[in-house]
C-alpha atoms as a PDB file:
ATOM      1  CA  MET A   1      12.706  -3.531   0.658  1.00  0.00           C
ATOM      2  CA  ASP A   2      10.342  -0.280  -0.084  1.00  0.00           C
ATOM      3  CA  ALA A   3       9.415   2.619   2.760  1.00  0.00           C
ATOM      4  CA  TYR A   4       6.458   0.476   4.291  1.00  0.00           C
ATOM      5  CA  GLN A   5       8.787  -2.027   4.662  1.00  0.00           C
ATOM      6  CA  VAL A   6      11.406  -0.669   6.386  1.00  0.00           C
ATOM      7  CA  ALA A   7       8.782   0.952   8.925  1.00  0.00           C
ATOM      8  CA  ASP A   8       7.324  -1.823   9.770  1.00  0.00           C
ATOM      9  CA  LYS A   9      10.867  -3.109  10.813  1.00  0.00           C
ATOM     10  CA  LEU A  10      11.929  -0.070  12.897  1.00  0.00           C
ATOM     11  CA  GLY A  11      11.032  -0.514  16.441  1.00  0.00           C
ATOM     12  CA  ALA A  12      10.622  -3.343  16.760  1.00  0.00           C
ATOM     13  CA  GLY A  13       8.182  -3.726  14.103  1.00  0.00           C
ATOM     14  CA  HIS A  14       6.058  -1.382  17.116  1.00  0.00           C
ATOM     15  CA  LEU A  15       7.523   2.141  14.887  1.00  0.00           C
ATOM     16  CA  MET A  16       3.525   3.030  13.582  1.00  0.00           C
ATOM     17  CA  ASN A  17       1.989   1.849  16.413  1.00  0.00           C
ATOM     18  CA  GLU A  18       3.662   4.430  18.341  1.00  0.00           C
ATOM     19  CA  MET A  19       2.743   6.934  15.551  1.00  0.00           C
ATOM     20  CA  TYR A  20      -0.942   6.308  15.828  1.00  0.00           C
ATOM     21  CA  GLY A  21      -0.281   6.580  19.615  1.00  0.00           C
ATOM     22  CA  GLU A  22       0.935   9.865  19.734  1.00  0.00           C
ATOM     23  CA  LEU A  23      -1.193  10.787  16.300  1.00  0.00           C
ATOM     24  CA  LEU A  24      -4.411  10.372  18.575  1.00  0.00           C
ATOM     25  CA  ARG A  25      -3.523  12.008  21.523  1.00  0.00           C
ATOM     26  CA  VAL A  26      -2.526  14.952  19.648  1.00  0.00           C
ATOM     27  CA  ALA A  27      -5.705  15.208  18.265  1.00  0.00           C
ATOM     28  CA  ASN A  28      -7.703  14.950  21.400  1.00  0.00           C
ATOM     29  CA  GLU A  29      -5.679  18.247  23.101  1.00  0.00           C
ATOM     30  CA  VAL A  30      -5.701  19.922  19.013  1.00  0.00           C
ATOM     31  CA  VAL A  31     -10.032  19.011  19.795  1.00  0.00           C
ATOM     32  CA  ALA A  32     -10.280  20.260  23.692  1.00  0.00           C
ATOM     33  CA  THR A  33      -8.513  23.432  23.018  1.00  0.00           C
ATOM     34  CA  GLY A  34      -8.658  24.499  19.444  1.00  0.00           C
ATOM     35  CA  LYS A  35      -4.827  24.825  18.731  1.00  0.00           C
ATOM     36  CA  ASP A  36      -2.610  23.495  16.257  1.00  0.00           C
ATOM     37  CA  GLY A  37      -0.161  20.537  17.493  1.00  0.00           C
ATOM     38  CA  LYS A  38       2.384  18.055  15.918  1.00  0.00           C
ATOM     39  CA  VAL A  39       3.529  14.970  15.500  1.00  0.00           C
ATOM     40  CA  THR A  40       7.389  14.602  14.551  1.00  0.00           C
ATOM     41  CA  VAL A  41       8.579  10.920  13.239  1.00  0.00           C
ATOM     42  CA  SER A  42      12.471  11.165  12.995  1.00  0.00           C
ATOM     43  CA  LEU A  43      14.576   9.004  11.514  1.00  0.00           C
ATOM     44  CA  THR A  44      18.233   9.139  12.274  1.00  0.00           C
ATOM     45  CA  VAL A  45      21.153   7.082   9.857  1.00  0.00           C
ATOM     46  CA  LYS A  46      24.156   6.322  11.534  1.00  0.00           C
ATOM     47  CA  LYS A  47      27.077   4.578   8.987  1.00  0.00           C
ATOM     48  CA  ASN A  48      28.585   0.747  11.405  1.00  0.00           C
ATOM     49  CA  PRO A  49      32.033   0.754  11.306  1.00  0.00           C
ATOM     50  CA  GLY A  50      33.481  -1.216   8.413  1.00  0.00           C
ATOM     51  CA  ASP A  51      31.651  -1.814   5.979  1.00  0.00           C
ATOM     52  CA  ILE A  52      28.124  -1.399   3.953  1.00  0.00           C
ATOM     53  CA  SER A  53      25.575  -1.498   6.349  1.00  0.00           C
ATOM     54  CA  VAL A  54      24.077   1.263   8.237  1.00  0.00           C
ATOM     55  CA  THR A  55      21.241   1.572  11.330  1.00  0.00           C
ATOM     56  CA  VAL A  56      18.409   3.365  11.297  1.00  0.00           C
ATOM     57  CA  LEU A  57      16.864   5.007  14.889  1.00  0.00           C
ATOM     58  CA  GLU A  58      13.818   5.888  15.282  1.00  0.00           C
ATOM     59  CA  SER A  59      11.838   8.745  17.328  1.00  0.00           C
ATOM     60  CA  VAL A  60       8.002   9.920  17.579  1.00  0.00           C
ATOM     61  CA  GLY A  61       7.699  12.919  19.666  1.00  0.00           C
ATOM     62  CA  SER A  62       4.894  15.617  19.507  1.00  0.00           C
ATOM     63  CA  SER A  63       3.824  19.155  20.871  1.00  0.00           C
ATOM     64  CA  LEU A  64       0.558  19.487  22.418  1.00  0.00           C
ATOM     65  CA  PRO A  65      -1.081  22.253  21.720  1.00  0.00           C
ATOM     66  CA  LYS A  66      -0.800  24.836  25.052  1.00  0.00           C
ATOM     67  CA  SER A  67      -3.623  25.504  27.140  1.00  0.00           C
ATOM     68  CA  GLN A  68      -4.541  29.287  27.313  1.00  0.00           C
ATOM     69  CA  ALA A  69      -3.081  30.727  30.827  1.00  0.00           C
ATOM     70  CA  PHE A  70      -5.463  32.599  32.622  1.00  0.00           C
ATOM     71  CA  GLY A  71      -2.627  34.329  34.925  1.00  0.00           C
ATOM     72  CA  ALA A  72      -3.788  36.932  38.124  1.00  0.00           C
ATOM     73  CA  LEU A  73      -3.813  40.585  39.422  1.00  0.00           C
ATOM     74  CA  PHE A  74      -2.094  40.807  42.060  1.00  0.00           C
ATOM     75  CA  PHE A  75      -0.636  44.175  43.240  1.00  0.00           C
ATOM     76  CA  TYR A  76       3.341  43.956  44.926  1.00  0.00           C
ATOM     77  CA  HIS A  77       4.214  46.350  47.364  1.00  0.00           C
ATOM     78  CA  ASP A  78       6.877  46.208  49.699  1.00  0.00           C
ATOM     79  CA  GLY A  79       7.628  42.736  48.726  1.00  0.00           C
ATOM     80  CA  GLN A  80       4.631  41.583  49.158  1.00  0.00           C
ATOM     81  CA  PHE A  81       2.112  40.203  47.310  1.00  0.00           C
ATOM     82  CA  TYR A  82      -2.169  41.661  47.495  1.00  0.00           C
ATOM     83  CA  GLU A  83      -5.499  41.315  45.549  1.00  0.00           C
ATOM     84  CA  ARG A  84      -6.417  44.884  46.713  1.00  0.00           C
ATOM     85  CA  ASP A  85      -4.199  48.151  46.514  1.00  0.00           C
ATOM     86  CA  PRO A  86      -2.740  47.845  49.579  1.00  0.00           C
ATOM     87  CA  ARG A  87      -2.232  51.928  49.461  1.00  0.00           C
ATOM     88  CA  GLN A  88      -5.859  53.013  48.828  1.00  0.00           C
ATOM     89  CA  ALA A  89      -7.689  53.494  52.096  1.00  0.00           C
ATOM     90  CA  GLU A  90     -10.325  50.752  52.641  1.00  0.00           C
ATOM     91  CA  MET A  91     -13.335  52.629  52.500  1.00  0.00           C
ATOM     92  CA  ARG A  92     -15.593  50.634  55.720  1.00  0.00           C
ATOM     93  CA  GLU A  93     -18.628  52.910  56.065  1.00  0.00           C
ATOM     94  CA  LEU A  94     -20.555  52.406  53.145  1.00  0.00           C
ATOM     95  CA  ARG A  95     -24.375  51.960  52.487  1.00  0.00           C
ATOM     96  CA  VAL A  96     -26.633  52.230  49.903  1.00  0.00           C
ATOM     97  CA  VAL A  97     -29.003  55.502  50.231  1.00  0.00           C
ATOM     98  CA  GLU A  98     -31.774  54.566  49.228  1.00  0.00           C
ATOM     99  CA  GLU A  99     -33.956  57.534  46.625  1.00  0.00           C
ATOM    100  CA  PRO A 100     -36.640  58.916  47.743  1.00  0.00           C
ATOM    101  CA  GLU A 101     -40.036  58.606  46.344  1.00  0.00           C
ATOM    102  CA  ALA A 102     -41.239  61.154  43.331  1.00  0.00           C
ATOM    103  CA  GLU A 103     -44.462  63.501  44.828  1.00  0.00           C
ATOM    104  CA  SER A 104     -47.154  63.227  42.724  1.00  0.00           C
ATOM    105  CA  ARG A 105     -48.504  66.507  41.867  1.00  0.00           C
ATOM    106  CA  GLY A 106     -52.058  66.454  40.640  1.00  0.00           C
END
């Protein structure tokens, strides 16, 4: 058997489809985020007791790109979170003062 024949037998004949499905999923996320992703195919070989046969176990995994966390700014004071600094006095009576028009001298 060559490598293609062995791969065709793994996963009850579904290994290549599973791998391709993961590849498509990761590629979609890579294009969406612009960050790298990874598809991993792992083959574990176990010796069967008493003879020369082995069992090959397959697994397909992936690491999707992580989205950028945006976060939020909070002030923490006396066991509470605040959107504004609770130590800062609130200025309620603010108003816009218009500048007087310049007088023409002429």
